[in-house]
Amino acid sequence: MPYKQQPYYPNKKISYGTLFFFIRHHTNSLNAFDKKGINEAKHLILKEARNASPSYKMFIRAAIAATGLSESTIKQILYTKKD
């Protein structure tokens, strides 16, 4: 069964609640003790939410509310190059 890449309502815009619940409930199956894997998962989840959000302000509000991290930490996770 192929994975659907399109939203259920293609004409409906992405809202604050949609972003919040995407970030909050998006999970990856990984080892809880693998720090590198956890950091990579954070980066991928936030990057995907940022690309989907209509504005930066809405993304930051939803990410802060969903993760409990500060804006500077979210920026660091998104834009710092990982080795």
N, C-alpha and C. Protein backbone atom coordinates (compact mmCIF):
# COMPACT_ATOMS: atom_id res chain seq x y z
N MET A 1 0.83 -1.16 0.00
CA MET A 1 0.00 0.00 0.00
C MET A 1 0.90 1.24 0.00
N PRO A 2 0.78 2.11 -1.00
CA PRO A 2 1.67 3.28 -1.07
C PRO A 2 1.31 4.32 0.00
N TYR A 3 2.31 5.05 0.39
CA TYR A 3 2.15 6.10 1.40
C TYR A 3 1.63 7.36 0.72
N LYS A 4 0.56 7.95 1.27
CA LYS A 4 -0.01 9.16 0.69
C LYS A 4 0.85 10.36 1.05
N GLN A 5 1.26 11.11 0.07
CA GLN A 5 2.06 12.30 0.28
C GLN A 5 1.20 13.56 0.32
N GLN A 6 -0.04 13.46 -0.11
CA GLN A 6 -0.90 14.63 -0.17
C GLN A 6 -1.85 14.66 1.02
N PRO A 7 -2.22 15.85 1.46
CA PRO A 7 -3.16 15.93 2.57
C PRO A 7 -4.55 15.45 2.15
N TYR A 8 -5.36 15.14 3.13
CA TYR A 8 -6.71 14.65 2.86
C TYR A 8 -7.56 15.73 2.21
N TYR A 9 -7.42 16.97 2.64
CA TYR A 9 -8.11 18.10 2.04
C TYR A 9 -7.10 18.96 1.31
N PRO A 10 -6.88 18.74 0.03
CA PRO A 10 -5.81 19.46 -0.67
C PRO A 10 -6.06 20.95 -0.80
N ASN A 11 -7.30 21.41 -0.74
CA ASN A 11 -7.58 22.84 -0.88
C ASN A 11 -7.56 23.59 0.45
N LYS A 12 -7.45 22.88 1.54
CA LYS A 12 -7.45 23.50 2.86
C LYS A 12 -6.02 23.88 3.24
N LYS A 13 -5.84 25.12 3.72
CA LYS A 13 -4.51 25.58 4.10
C LYS A 13 -4.07 24.97 5.42
N ILE A 14 -2.78 24.91 5.63
CA ILE A 14 -2.22 24.38 6.87
C ILE A 14 -2.40 25.43 7.96
N SER A 15 -2.90 25.00 9.11
CA SER A 15 -3.17 25.92 10.20
C SER A 15 -2.17 25.70 11.33
N TYR A 16 -2.28 26.56 12.33
CA TYR A 16 -1.43 26.46 13.52
C TYR A 16 -1.64 25.11 14.22
N GLY A 17 -2.88 24.69 14.36
CA GLY A 17 -3.19 23.42 15.02
C GLY A 17 -2.63 22.23 14.28
N THR A 18 -2.69 22.28 12.96
CA THR A 18 -2.14 21.20 12.15
C THR A 18 -0.64 21.07 12.37
N LEU A 19 0.07 22.20 12.36
CA LEU A 19 1.52 22.17 12.61
C LEU A 19 1.83 21.68 14.02
N PHE A 20 1.09 22.19 15.00
CA PHE A 20 1.32 21.81 16.39
C PHE A 20 1.19 20.30 16.57
N PHE A 21 0.09 19.73 16.07
CA PHE A 21 -0.13 18.30 16.26
C PHE A 21 0.81 17.46 15.41
N PHE A 22 1.26 17.98 14.26
CA PHE A 22 2.25 17.24 13.47
C PHE A 22 3.55 17.11 14.26
N ILE A 23 4.01 18.24 14.80
CA ILE A 23 5.28 18.21 15.55
C ILE A 23 5.12 17.39 16.82
N ARG A 24 4.01 17.55 17.50
CA ARG A 24 3.78 16.89 18.79
C ARG A 24 3.67 15.37 18.66
N HIS A 25 3.01 14.90 17.61
CA HIS A 25 2.71 13.48 17.51
C HIS A 25 3.54 12.73 16.48
N HIS A 26 4.45 13.41 15.82
CA HIS A 26 5.29 12.73 14.84
C HIS A 26 6.33 11.91 15.59
N THR A 27 6.41 10.65 15.27
CA THR A 27 7.34 9.77 15.97
C THR A 27 8.24 9.06 14.97
N ASN A 28 9.38 8.68 15.44
CA ASN A 28 10.32 7.86 14.68
C ASN A 28 10.65 6.65 15.54
N SER A 29 10.81 5.51 14.92
CA SER A 29 11.22 4.36 15.72
C SER A 29 12.74 4.35 15.78
N LEU A 30 13.26 4.61 16.95
CA LEU A 30 14.69 4.65 17.15
C LEU A 30 15.02 4.26 18.58
N ASN A 31 16.27 4.05 18.82
CA ASN A 31 16.74 3.67 20.15
C ASN A 31 16.74 4.90 21.05
N ALA A 32 16.16 4.78 22.22
CA ALA A 32 16.07 5.92 23.15
C ALA A 32 17.43 6.35 23.68
N PHE A 33 18.44 5.51 23.57
CA PHE A 33 19.76 5.83 24.08
C PHE A 33 20.73 6.28 22.99
N ASP A 34 20.25 6.41 21.78
CA ASP A 34 21.08 6.83 20.66
C ASP A 34 20.94 8.35 20.48
N LYS A 35 21.87 9.11 21.06
CA LYS A 35 21.77 10.57 21.06
C LYS A 35 21.84 11.13 19.64
N LYS A 36 22.69 10.56 18.80
CA LYS A 36 22.82 11.05 17.43
C LYS A 36 21.51 10.83 16.66
N GLY A 37 20.88 9.69 16.86
CA GLY A 37 19.60 9.40 16.20
C GLY A 37 18.48 10.31 16.66
N ILE A 38 18.47 10.63 17.95
CA ILE A 38 17.45 11.53 18.50
C ILE A 38 17.62 12.94 17.92
N ASN A 39 18.86 13.41 17.85
CA ASN A 39 19.11 14.74 17.29
C ASN A 39 18.75 14.79 15.81
N GLU A 40 19.03 13.72 15.08
CA GLU A 40 18.68 13.67 13.67
C GLU A 40 17.16 13.66 13.49
N ALA A 41 16.45 12.94 14.35
CA ALA A 41 14.99 12.91 14.27
C ALA A 41 14.40 14.29 14.56
N LYS A 42 14.92 15.00 15.56
CA LYS A 42 14.46 16.36 15.86
C LYS A 42 14.64 17.25 14.64
N HIS A 43 15.82 17.16 14.04
CA HIS A 43 16.12 17.98 12.87
C HIS A 43 15.15 17.68 11.73
N LEU A 44 14.91 16.41 11.45
CA LEU A 44 14.04 16.05 10.33
C LEU A 44 12.59 16.47 10.58
N ILE A 45 12.10 16.29 11.80
CA ILE A 45 10.72 16.67 12.12
C ILE A 45 10.54 18.18 11.99
N LEU A 46 11.46 18.96 12.56
CA LEU A 46 11.35 20.41 12.48
C LEU A 46 11.54 20.92 11.06
N LYS A 47 12.43 20.30 10.31
CA LYS A 47 12.66 20.71 8.92
C LYS A 47 11.41 20.45 8.08
N GLU A 48 10.79 19.32 8.26
CA GLU A 48 9.58 18.99 7.50
C GLU A 48 8.44 19.94 7.87
N ALA A 49 8.31 20.26 9.15
CA ALA A 49 7.27 21.19 9.58
C ALA A 49 7.54 22.59 9.05
N ARG A 50 8.79 23.01 9.03
CA ARG A 50 9.15 24.34 8.51
C ARG A 50 8.85 24.45 7.03
N ASN A 51 9.14 23.41 6.29
CA ASN A 51 8.86 23.43 4.85
C ASN A 51 7.37 23.45 4.55
N ALA A 52 6.57 22.85 5.41
CA ALA A 52 5.12 22.79 5.19
C ALA A 52 4.40 24.04 5.68
N SER A 53 4.99 24.77 6.61
CA SER A 53 4.27 25.90 7.21
C SER A 53 4.22 27.09 6.25
N PRO A 54 3.10 27.81 6.27
CA PRO A 54 2.97 28.96 5.38
C PRO A 54 3.82 30.17 5.80
N SER A 55 4.13 30.30 7.10
CA SER A 55 4.96 31.42 7.54
C SER A 55 5.90 30.97 8.65
N TYR A 56 6.99 31.71 8.78
CA TYR A 56 7.98 31.39 9.80
C TYR A 56 7.41 31.63 11.20
N LYS A 57 6.64 32.69 11.35
CA LYS A 57 6.07 33.03 12.65
C LYS A 57 5.14 31.92 13.16
N MET A 58 4.31 31.39 12.28
CA MET A 58 3.40 30.31 12.67
C MET A 58 4.19 29.05 13.02
N PHE A 59 5.23 28.77 12.26
CA PHE A 59 6.07 27.60 12.54
C PHE A 59 6.71 27.71 13.91
N ILE A 60 7.29 28.87 14.22
CA ILE A 60 7.98 29.05 15.50
C ILE A 60 6.99 28.94 16.66
N ARG A 61 5.82 29.54 16.54
CA ARG A 61 4.81 29.45 17.61
C ARG A 61 4.41 28.00 17.85
N ALA A 62 4.17 27.26 16.78
CA ALA A 62 3.75 25.87 16.91
C ALA A 62 4.88 25.00 17.47
N ALA A 63 6.11 25.24 17.02
CA ALA A 63 7.25 24.44 17.48
C ALA A 63 7.55 24.70 18.96
N ILE A 64 7.46 25.94 19.38
CA ILE A 64 7.70 26.26 20.79
C ILE A 64 6.64 25.60 21.66
N ALA A 65 5.38 25.68 21.23
CA ALA A 65 4.30 25.09 22.02
C ALA A 65 4.39 23.56 22.04
N ALA A 66 4.77 22.95 20.92
CA ALA A 66 4.79 21.49 20.83
C ALA A 66 6.00 20.87 21.53
N THR A 67 7.15 21.53 21.45
CA THR A 67 8.37 20.92 21.98
C THR A 67 8.78 21.46 23.34
N GLY A 68 8.39 22.68 23.65
CA GLY A 68 8.83 23.29 24.90
C GLY A 68 10.23 23.85 24.82
N LEU A 69 10.80 23.90 23.62
CA LEU A 69 12.13 24.46 23.42
C LEU A 69 12.03 25.95 23.10
N SER A 70 13.11 26.67 23.29
CA SER A 70 13.11 28.10 22.97
C SER A 70 13.36 28.29 21.47
N GLU A 71 13.10 29.52 21.02
CA GLU A 71 13.29 29.83 19.60
C GLU A 71 14.75 29.66 19.19
N SER A 72 15.67 30.06 20.03
CA SER A 72 17.09 29.93 19.68
C SER A 72 17.51 28.46 19.59
N THR A 73 16.97 27.60 20.43
CA THR A 73 17.28 26.17 20.37
C THR A 73 16.71 25.56 19.10
N ILE A 74 15.51 25.96 18.72
CA ILE A 74 14.91 25.46 17.49
C ILE A 74 15.72 25.90 16.28
N LYS A 75 16.16 27.15 16.27
CA LYS A 75 17.02 27.63 15.18
C LYS A 75 18.33 26.84 15.14
N GLN A 76 18.89 26.57 16.31
CA GLN A 76 20.14 25.81 16.37
C GLN A 76 19.96 24.40 15.81
N ILE A 77 18.85 23.76 16.15
CA ILE A 77 18.59 22.41 15.65
C ILE A 77 18.42 22.44 14.13
N LEU A 78 17.72 23.44 13.62
CA LEU A 78 17.44 23.51 12.18
C LEU A 78 18.66 23.89 11.35
N TYR A 79 19.41 24.89 11.80
CA TYR A 79 20.41 25.50 10.91
C TYR A 79 21.85 25.17 11.22
N THR A 80 22.13 24.47 12.31
CA THR A 80 23.51 24.09 12.61
C THR A 80 23.86 22.82 11.85
N LYS A 81 24.99 22.85 11.18
CA LYS A 81 25.41 21.68 10.41
C LYS A 81 25.87 20.58 11.35
N LYS A 82 25.30 19.38 11.13
CA LYS A 82 25.65 18.22 11.96
C LYS A 82 26.72 17.41 11.26
N ASP A 83 27.65 16.86 12.04
CA ASP A 83 28.70 16.00 11.46
C ASP A 83 28.29 14.56 11.51
